[in-house]
Structure formats: structure tokens, C-alpha cells
Amino acid sequence: MLKPTKTVAAVLAALFPTSEKAISEKLTQEEFDAFAGEAQETQNRLDAQAQGNEAVANDLTTANASLKEAQDKLTASEAALTKANNDLTAANNKVAELTPRATAWDAHKAALDGANVTGDSTNPKQKAETGLSEKEQASLDKKMELKAKYPGLMADIDVPVQD
């Protein structure tokens, strides 16, 4: 808050309240000139301080307005983020709900086509096509499964390609 500033005359009146004579009668011309210069310098400082205080008050008002605007934007962004997180959670729940159904559909479609999707060695069409014994087919299936699961570890294992 700005304090009301006093003029030089008010300051002088406060300093010399009981004086019956004018200040100029008590002081020599040099002393009066020095005193008047100091009083003017003091008044200039007071004026500059008042202007500085006004500028600081304006800057504070501007900064508070900018802060309010930023807080409003932050609140809106937080609301949008919360909505996006809720949408993401709903989408993840839907994916979790539909994944088993899609997997079951893929297995059903593969069974209809006669393919072995899961790497299970019980597919009779696959056994008949390879011409391998049950033991060899089981070994081959296990190698293929492990190679698919751990490609870095199984790099040196040669697994024949089945057409």
C-alpha cells in the first residue's frame, strides 16, 4: 500500500512547530541554500519512491493476473488429463475384456483351417504332413516353441522349416 507522502512544507512545519520566526531569519543565506537543496533532494527522493511504489504495485497486479491465468490453464489441463486417464483406463479394461475372446476366435479359426496356432503337438494334420514320429514331432514342436520364446538363446539350434 502506498503511504501518503508529505510535501517539503509539511516536513518543515513538523520540524519547526514552535518557531516564531521564519526559517530564513535564523539561517544565513548559505545555510538556507544548503537546507533548501537538501529539502528539494528529499522531496525528489520521496517522489521517486512514490513512482517506484506505483510501478511495483502495477507489476504486482500484472503478475497476479498472469498467475491467475496460469492457474486456470493448469486446472483445465488437470481436468483434461483426468478425463484422458479415465478414457485410457476404460480402453484398457475393454482390451482386457476382449483379448480372451479374440484369442479364442483365433484358436477357433486356426482349428477350422487345420493350423497349429499355439504350438501344441496334438494337431493331427500337422503330424501327418511332417511324416515324423510322435516323439520327433514333440521334440520339434518344443524346439520351435523355445526358439520363438527365446530367440537369442536358441540361435544356434537349427529348427527345420515346416511348409
Protein backbone atom coordinates (compact mmCIF):
# COMPACT_ATOMS: atom_id res chain seq x y z
CA MET A 1 0.00 0.00 0.00
CA LEU A 2 1.18 3.47 -0.73
CA LYS A 3 1.58 5.84 2.19
CA PRO A 4 0.58 9.43 1.59
CA THR A 5 3.74 11.49 1.14
CA LYS A 6 4.30 14.82 2.82
CA THR A 7 5.46 17.84 0.96
CA VAL A 8 8.61 19.70 1.96
CA ALA A 9 6.49 22.40 3.55
CA ALA A 10 4.73 19.81 5.72
CA VAL A 11 8.08 18.29 6.73
CA LEU A 12 9.44 21.73 7.67
CA ALA A 13 6.30 22.55 9.62
CA ALA A 14 6.70 19.29 11.53
CA LEU A 15 10.38 20.02 12.26
CA PHE A 16 9.86 23.57 13.47
CA PRO A 17 6.44 23.68 15.10
CA THR A 18 7.29 26.21 17.83
CA SER A 19 9.35 28.58 15.77
CA GLU A 20 8.06 32.13 15.84
CA LYS A 21 10.47 33.41 13.23
CA ALA A 22 10.74 32.37 9.64
CA ILE A 23 13.50 29.87 8.92
CA SER A 24 15.23 32.29 6.64
CA GLU A 25 15.69 34.76 9.54
CA LYS A 26 17.55 32.17 11.65
CA LEU A 27 19.82 30.88 8.87
CA THR A 28 22.45 32.57 6.80
CA GLN A 29 21.98 32.61 3.05
CA GLU A 30 24.48 29.74 2.55
CA GLU A 31 22.83 27.65 5.26
CA PHE A 32 19.40 28.37 3.84
CA ASP A 33 20.52 27.43 0.31
CA ALA A 34 22.07 24.18 1.61
CA PHE A 35 18.92 23.44 3.61
CA ALA A 36 16.66 24.20 0.65
CA GLY A 37 18.82 21.95 -1.58
CA GLU A 38 18.60 19.10 0.92
CA ALA A 39 14.86 19.61 1.26
CA GLN A 40 14.45 19.55 -2.53
CA GLU A 41 16.62 16.41 -2.76
CA THR A 42 14.49 14.78 -0.08
CA GLN A 43 11.32 15.75 -1.96
CA ASN A 44 12.77 14.32 -5.19
CA ARG A 45 13.58 11.06 -3.38
CA LEU A 46 10.07 10.90 -1.96
CA ASP A 47 8.58 11.49 -5.42
CA ALA A 48 10.85 8.84 -6.96
CA GLN A 49 9.94 6.40 -4.19
CA ALA A 50 6.23 7.05 -4.77
CA GLN A 51 6.68 6.42 -8.51
CA GLY A 52 8.69 3.27 -7.76
CA ASN A 53 6.00 2.06 -5.38
CA GLU A 54 3.34 2.69 -8.01
CA ALA A 55 5.37 0.79 -10.63
CA VAL A 56 5.87 -2.13 -8.23
CA ALA A 57 2.14 -2.16 -7.45
CA ASN A 58 1.35 -2.24 -11.19
CA ASP A 59 3.88 -5.03 -11.73
CA LEU A 60 2.35 -6.98 -8.85
CA THR A 61 -1.13 -6.58 -10.32
CA THR A 62 0.12 -7.78 -13.71
CA ALA A 63 1.94 -10.72 -12.13
CA ASN A 64 -1.16 -11.70 -10.13
CA ALA A 65 -3.26 -11.60 -13.31
CA SER A 66 -0.71 -13.79 -15.11
CA LEU A 67 -0.64 -16.18 -12.15
CA LYS A 68 -4.44 -16.45 -12.16
CA GLU A 69 -4.42 -17.15 -15.90
CA ALA A 70 -1.73 -19.82 -15.47
CA GLN A 71 -3.64 -21.42 -12.59
CA ASP A 72 -6.81 -21.51 -14.70
CA LYS A 73 -4.90 -23.17 -17.55
CA LEU A 74 -3.36 -25.66 -15.11
CA THR A 75 -6.78 -26.52 -13.69
CA ALA A 76 -8.16 -27.05 -17.19
CA SER A 77 -5.15 -29.21 -18.11
CA GLU A 78 -5.55 -31.29 -14.96
CA ALA A 79 -9.23 -31.85 -15.80
CA ALA A 80 -8.31 -32.89 -19.35
CA LEU A 81 -5.61 -35.22 -18.01
CA THR A 82 -8.05 -36.82 -15.59
CA LYS A 83 -10.55 -37.37 -18.40
CA ALA A 84 -7.81 -38.83 -20.64
CA ASN A 85 -6.67 -41.16 -17.83
CA ASN A 86 -10.26 -42.31 -17.29
CA ASP A 87 -10.66 -42.93 -21.02
CA LEU A 88 -7.37 -44.86 -21.06
CA THR A 89 -8.47 -46.99 -18.11
CA ALA A 90 -11.78 -47.72 -19.84
CA ALA A 91 -9.95 -48.66 -23.06
CA ASN A 92 -7.54 -50.93 -21.16
CA ASN A 93 -10.48 -52.62 -19.44
CA LYS A 94 -12.16 -53.14 -22.80
CA VAL A 95 -8.92 -54.61 -24.24
CA ALA A 96 -8.61 -56.92 -21.24
CA GLU A 97 -12.22 -57.97 -21.75
CA LEU A 98 -11.87 -58.59 -25.50
CA THR A 99 -8.40 -60.20 -25.58
CA PRO A 100 -9.54 -63.65 -24.38
CA ARG A 101 -12.40 -63.56 -26.88
CA ALA A 102 -10.01 -62.65 -29.71
CA THR A 103 -7.59 -65.38 -28.66
CA ALA A 104 -10.43 -67.90 -28.57
CA TRP A 105 -11.57 -66.74 -32.00
CA ASP A 106 -8.03 -67.07 -33.40
CA ALA A 107 -7.77 -70.59 -31.97
CA HIS A 108 -11.19 -71.50 -33.36
CA LYS A 109 -10.31 -70.14 -36.80
CA ALA A 110 -6.97 -71.96 -36.75
CA ALA A 111 -8.71 -75.19 -35.77
CA LEU A 112 -11.07 -74.77 -38.69
CA ASP A 113 -8.12 -74.14 -41.02
CA GLY A 114 -6.16 -77.04 -39.55
CA ALA A 115 -3.22 -74.91 -38.40
CA ASN A 116 -1.42 -75.19 -35.09
CA VAL A 117 -1.51 -71.69 -33.57
CA THR A 118 -0.42 -72.46 -30.03
CA GLY A 119 2.47 -74.78 -30.82
CA ASP A 120 0.51 -77.70 -29.39
CA SER A 121 1.66 -81.03 -30.82
CA THR A 122 -1.83 -82.57 -30.77
CA ASN A 123 -2.78 -81.30 -34.22
CA PRO A 124 -3.25 -84.46 -36.29
CA LYS A 125 -2.95 -82.65 -39.63
CA GLN A 126 0.45 -81.29 -38.66
CA LYS A 127 1.73 -84.73 -37.65
CA ALA A 128 0.52 -86.31 -40.84
CA GLU A 129 2.12 -83.60 -43.01
CA THR A 130 5.58 -83.81 -41.44
CA GLY A 131 5.96 -87.57 -41.55
CA LEU A 132 7.74 -87.55 -38.19
CA SER A 133 7.13 -89.92 -35.32
CA GLU A 134 5.27 -88.64 -32.29
CA LYS A 135 8.48 -88.32 -30.30
CA GLU A 136 10.30 -86.47 -33.09
CA GLN A 137 7.30 -84.20 -33.67
CA ALA A 138 7.08 -83.39 -29.95
CA SER A 139 10.79 -82.59 -29.89
CA LEU A 140 10.47 -80.40 -32.99
CA ASP A 141 7.44 -78.59 -31.56
CA LYS A 142 9.25 -77.93 -28.28
CA LYS A 143 12.31 -76.59 -30.14
CA MET A 144 10.10 -74.30 -32.24
CA GLU A 145 8.30 -73.07 -29.14
CA LEU A 146 11.57 -72.38 -27.30
CA LYS A 147 13.13 -70.72 -30.35
CA ALA A 148 10.10 -68.42 -30.64
CA LYS A 149 10.20 -67.65 -26.93
CA TYR A 150 13.99 -67.22 -26.57
CA PRO A 151 15.46 -66.32 -29.97
CA GLY A 152 18.81 -65.17 -28.52
CA LEU A 153 19.38 -68.35 -26.53
CA MET A 154 18.18 -70.68 -29.24
CA ALA A 155 20.06 -69.04 -32.12
CA ASP A 156 22.46 -71.95 -32.57
CA ILE A 157 19.66 -74.59 -32.62
CA ASP A 158 18.66 -75.50 -36.14
CA VAL A 159 14.91 -75.95 -36.44
CA PRO A 160 13.70 -77.23 -39.79
CA VAL A 161 11.12 -75.08 -41.52
CA GLN A 162 7.72 -76.69 -41.94
CA ASP A 163 5.74 -75.84 -45.06
